[in-house]
């Protein structure tokens, strides 16, 4: 069995992650080489847009939490999930 080397990828957060996802969407929209079907391309674009939405929601939630100094729903939810995993 041949081993596969997985490249080390940077961890992106917040605006950097959103920027990278938007660039990925542009690549997907511009791909004309037929490596992916139209349905696969649309699915990857929708998934990327969903991730952007989650990142933006989390960013807004964290900013609101900092302003109000009370934990947001998302923060409470994360804490609950981590406690039970």
N, C-alpha and C. Protein backbone atom coordinates (compact mmCIF):
# COMPACT_ATOMS: atom_id res chain seq x y z
N UNK A 1 0.84 -1.18 0.00
CA UNK A 1 0.00 0.00 0.00
C UNK A 1 0.89 1.24 0.00
N UNK A 2 0.59 2.15 -0.90
CA UNK A 2 1.37 3.37 -1.01
C UNK A 2 0.79 4.44 -0.09
N UNK A 3 1.66 5.08 0.66
CA UNK A 3 1.18 6.12 1.56
C UNK A 3 0.96 7.42 0.78
N UNK A 4 0.02 8.19 1.28
CA UNK A 4 -0.31 9.47 0.66
C UNK A 4 0.15 10.58 1.58
N UNK A 5 0.88 11.51 1.04
CA UNK A 5 1.34 12.64 1.84
C UNK A 5 0.30 13.75 1.76
N UNK A 6 -0.21 14.13 2.92
CA UNK A 6 -1.21 15.19 2.98
C UNK A 6 -0.48 16.50 3.27
N UNK A 7 -0.68 17.50 2.41
CA UNK A 7 0.04 18.76 2.62
C UNK A 7 -0.47 19.49 3.85
N UNK A 8 0.42 20.23 4.47
CA UNK A 8 0.06 21.05 5.62
C UNK A 8 -0.66 22.29 5.11
N UNK A 9 -1.87 22.52 5.59
CA UNK A 9 -2.66 23.66 5.15
C UNK A 9 -2.81 24.65 6.30
N UNK A 10 -2.81 25.94 5.98
CA UNK A 10 -2.98 26.94 7.04
C UNK A 10 -4.40 26.92 7.60
N UNK A 11 -4.53 27.26 8.85
CA UNK A 11 -5.84 27.39 9.47
C UNK A 11 -6.29 28.83 9.27
N UNK A 12 -7.42 29.00 8.62
CA UNK A 12 -7.95 30.33 8.36
C UNK A 12 -9.17 30.57 9.21
N UNK A 13 -9.30 31.77 9.72
CA UNK A 13 -10.43 32.13 10.55
C UNK A 13 -10.97 33.50 10.10
N UNK A 14 -12.22 33.73 10.42
CA UNK A 14 -12.83 35.03 10.19
C UNK A 14 -12.74 35.50 8.76
N UNK A 15 -12.31 36.74 8.59
CA UNK A 15 -12.26 37.37 7.27
C UNK A 15 -11.34 36.62 6.31
N UNK A 16 -10.23 36.07 6.83
CA UNK A 16 -9.33 35.32 5.95
C UNK A 16 -10.00 34.07 5.40
N UNK A 17 -10.79 33.40 6.21
CA UNK A 17 -11.52 32.22 5.75
C UNK A 17 -12.58 32.61 4.72
N UNK A 18 -13.27 33.70 4.99
CA UNK A 18 -14.30 34.17 4.05
C UNK A 18 -13.67 34.53 2.70
N UNK A 19 -12.54 35.21 2.75
CA UNK A 19 -11.84 35.59 1.52
C UNK A 19 -11.42 34.35 0.74
N UNK A 20 -10.86 33.35 1.43
CA UNK A 20 -10.44 32.12 0.75
C UNK A 20 -11.63 31.38 0.15
N UNK A 21 -12.74 31.34 0.87
CA UNK A 21 -13.94 30.67 0.35
C UNK A 21 -14.50 31.40 -0.87
N UNK A 22 -14.49 32.73 -0.83
CA UNK A 22 -14.95 33.51 -2.00
C UNK A 22 -14.06 33.26 -3.22
N UNK A 23 -12.74 33.14 -2.99
CA UNK A 23 -11.82 32.84 -4.08
C UNK A 23 -12.10 31.44 -4.63
N UNK A 24 -12.39 30.51 -3.75
CA UNK A 24 -12.72 29.14 -4.16
C UNK A 24 -13.99 29.12 -5.01
N UNK A 25 -14.98 29.90 -4.58
CA UNK A 25 -16.23 29.99 -5.34
C UNK A 25 -15.96 30.54 -6.74
N UNK A 26 -15.11 31.57 -6.84
CA UNK A 26 -14.77 32.13 -8.15
C UNK A 26 -14.08 31.08 -9.03
N UNK A 27 -13.19 30.29 -8.42
CA UNK A 27 -12.53 29.22 -9.17
C UNK A 27 -13.54 28.21 -9.68
N UNK A 28 -14.47 27.83 -8.81
CA UNK A 28 -15.50 26.87 -9.21
C UNK A 28 -16.36 27.42 -10.34
N UNK A 29 -16.73 28.68 -10.23
CA UNK A 29 -17.57 29.30 -11.26
C UNK A 29 -16.83 29.42 -12.59
N UNK A 30 -15.51 29.55 -12.54
CA UNK A 30 -14.72 29.72 -13.75
C UNK A 30 -14.20 28.43 -14.34
N UNK A 31 -14.43 27.31 -13.66
CA UNK A 31 -13.88 26.05 -14.16
C UNK A 31 -14.68 25.56 -15.37
N UNK A 32 -13.95 25.35 -16.45
CA UNK A 32 -14.58 24.89 -17.70
C UNK A 32 -13.94 23.60 -18.21
N UNK A 33 -13.11 22.98 -17.36
CA UNK A 33 -12.37 21.82 -17.85
C UNK A 33 -13.12 20.51 -17.69
N UNK A 34 -14.31 20.54 -17.15
CA UNK A 34 -15.13 19.35 -17.07
C UNK A 34 -14.73 18.35 -16.01
N UNK A 35 -13.84 18.73 -15.08
CA UNK A 35 -13.45 17.81 -14.02
C UNK A 35 -14.64 17.52 -13.09
N UNK A 36 -15.51 18.50 -12.93
CA UNK A 36 -16.69 18.36 -12.09
C UNK A 36 -17.95 18.52 -12.93
N UNK A 37 -18.99 17.83 -12.53
CA UNK A 37 -20.27 18.04 -13.21
C UNK A 37 -20.86 19.37 -12.76
N UNK A 38 -21.85 19.83 -13.47
CA UNK A 38 -22.51 21.08 -13.10
C UNK A 38 -23.13 20.96 -11.70
N UNK A 39 -23.72 19.81 -11.42
CA UNK A 39 -24.35 19.59 -10.11
C UNK A 39 -23.30 19.57 -8.99
N UNK A 40 -22.15 18.94 -9.23
CA UNK A 40 -21.08 18.92 -8.24
C UNK A 40 -20.57 20.34 -7.97
N UNK A 41 -20.40 21.11 -9.04
CA UNK A 41 -19.94 22.49 -8.90
C UNK A 41 -20.94 23.31 -8.10
N UNK A 42 -22.22 23.18 -8.42
CA UNK A 42 -23.25 23.93 -7.70
C UNK A 42 -23.29 23.53 -6.22
N UNK A 43 -23.11 22.25 -5.95
CA UNK A 43 -23.12 21.77 -4.57
C UNK A 43 -21.95 22.34 -3.79
N UNK A 44 -20.76 22.34 -4.39
CA UNK A 44 -19.59 22.89 -3.71
C UNK A 44 -19.74 24.40 -3.47
N UNK A 45 -20.33 25.10 -4.43
CA UNK A 45 -20.56 26.54 -4.26
C UNK A 45 -21.54 26.78 -3.11
N UNK A 46 -22.63 26.01 -3.07
CA UNK A 46 -23.61 26.18 -1.99
C UNK A 46 -23.00 25.84 -0.64
N UNK A 47 -22.17 24.81 -0.58
CA UNK A 47 -21.50 24.45 0.66
C UNK A 47 -20.58 25.57 1.12
N UNK A 48 -19.82 26.13 0.18
CA UNK A 48 -18.92 27.24 0.50
C UNK A 48 -19.69 28.46 0.99
N UNK A 49 -20.82 28.76 0.34
CA UNK A 49 -21.65 29.89 0.76
C UNK A 49 -22.22 29.65 2.15
N UNK A 50 -22.58 28.41 2.44
CA UNK A 50 -23.07 28.06 3.77
C UNK A 50 -21.99 28.25 4.82
N UNK A 51 -20.77 27.86 4.51
CA UNK A 51 -19.66 28.06 5.45
C UNK A 51 -19.42 29.55 5.69
N UNK A 52 -19.49 30.34 4.64
CA UNK A 52 -19.33 31.79 4.79
C UNK A 52 -20.41 32.33 5.72
N UNK A 53 -21.63 31.89 5.54
CA UNK A 53 -22.74 32.34 6.37
C UNK A 53 -22.50 31.98 7.85
N UNK A 54 -22.02 30.76 8.09
CA UNK A 54 -21.74 30.33 9.46
C UNK A 54 -20.63 31.18 10.07
N UNK A 55 -19.58 31.44 9.32
CA UNK A 55 -18.46 32.25 9.82
C UNK A 55 -18.93 33.66 10.13
N UNK A 56 -19.73 34.24 9.23
CA UNK A 56 -20.24 35.59 9.47
C UNK A 56 -21.14 35.63 10.70
N UNK A 57 -21.99 34.63 10.86
CA UNK A 57 -22.87 34.57 12.01
C UNK A 57 -22.07 34.46 13.30
N UNK A 58 -21.07 33.59 13.29
CA UNK A 58 -20.23 33.42 14.47
C UNK A 58 -19.48 34.72 14.79
N UNK A 59 -18.97 35.38 13.76
CA UNK A 59 -18.24 36.63 13.95
C UNK A 59 -19.15 37.69 14.57
N UNK A 60 -20.37 37.82 14.03
CA UNK A 60 -21.32 38.79 14.58
C UNK A 60 -21.71 38.41 16.01
N UNK A 61 -21.87 37.14 16.26
CA UNK A 61 -22.25 36.65 17.58
C UNK A 61 -21.16 36.95 18.60
N UNK A 62 -19.91 36.70 18.21
CA UNK A 62 -18.78 36.96 19.12
C UNK A 62 -18.67 38.45 19.40
N UNK A 63 -18.85 39.28 18.36
CA UNK A 63 -18.78 40.73 18.56
C UNK A 63 -19.91 41.21 19.47
N UNK A 64 -21.10 40.68 19.28
CA UNK A 64 -22.22 41.06 20.14
C UNK A 64 -21.98 40.60 21.57
N UNK A 65 -21.41 39.42 21.71
CA UNK A 65 -21.11 38.89 23.04
C UNK A 65 -20.10 39.77 23.76
N UNK A 66 -19.09 40.23 23.02
CA UNK A 66 -18.07 41.11 23.62
C UNK A 66 -18.71 42.42 24.08
N UNK A 67 -19.66 42.92 23.28
CA UNK A 67 -20.31 44.18 23.63
C UNK A 67 -21.24 44.02 24.82
N UNK A 68 -21.97 42.91 24.86
CA UNK A 68 -22.95 42.73 25.94
C UNK A 68 -22.35 42.02 27.15
N UNK A 69 -21.18 41.42 26.97
CA UNK A 69 -20.49 40.68 28.03
C UNK A 69 -21.30 39.50 28.56
N UNK A 70 -22.27 39.03 27.81
CA UNK A 70 -22.98 37.81 28.19
C UNK A 70 -22.84 36.81 27.06
N UNK A 71 -22.68 35.54 27.38
CA UNK A 71 -22.45 34.54 26.34
C UNK A 71 -23.61 34.46 25.34
N UNK A 72 -23.26 34.35 24.07
CA UNK A 72 -24.27 34.22 23.03
C UNK A 72 -24.81 32.80 22.99
N UNK A 73 -25.88 32.65 22.24
CA UNK A 73 -26.46 31.32 22.06
C UNK A 73 -25.43 30.37 21.47
N UNK A 74 -24.69 30.85 20.45
CA UNK A 74 -23.71 30.00 19.78
C UNK A 74 -22.63 29.57 20.77
N UNK A 75 -22.16 30.49 21.61
CA UNK A 75 -21.15 30.15 22.59
C UNK A 75 -21.67 29.13 23.60
N UNK A 76 -22.90 29.32 24.05
CA UNK A 76 -23.50 28.36 24.98
C UNK A 76 -23.67 27.00 24.32
N UNK A 77 -24.09 27.01 23.06
CA UNK A 77 -24.30 25.78 22.32
C UNK A 77 -22.98 25.01 22.17
N UNK A 78 -21.91 25.73 21.78
CA UNK A 78 -20.60 25.12 21.65
C UNK A 78 -20.15 24.49 22.97
N UNK A 79 -20.32 25.23 24.04
CA UNK A 79 -19.91 24.76 25.35
C UNK A 79 -20.65 23.47 25.71
N UNK A 80 -21.96 23.43 25.42
CA UNK A 80 -22.76 22.26 25.71
C UNK A 80 -22.29 21.06 24.88
N UNK A 81 -22.02 21.29 23.59
CA UNK A 81 -21.57 20.22 22.72
C UNK A 81 -20.23 19.67 23.19
N UNK A 82 -19.31 20.56 23.50
CA UNK A 82 -17.98 20.12 23.94
C UNK A 82 -18.05 19.37 25.26
N UNK A 83 -18.95 19.76 26.11
CA UNK A 83 -19.10 19.09 27.40
C UNK A 83 -19.59 17.66 27.23
N UNK A 84 -20.42 17.42 26.21
CA UNK A 84 -21.01 16.11 26.02
C UNK A 84 -20.30 15.26 24.97
N UNK A 85 -19.14 15.72 24.51
CA UNK A 85 -18.44 14.90 23.52
C UNK A 85 -17.22 14.22 24.10
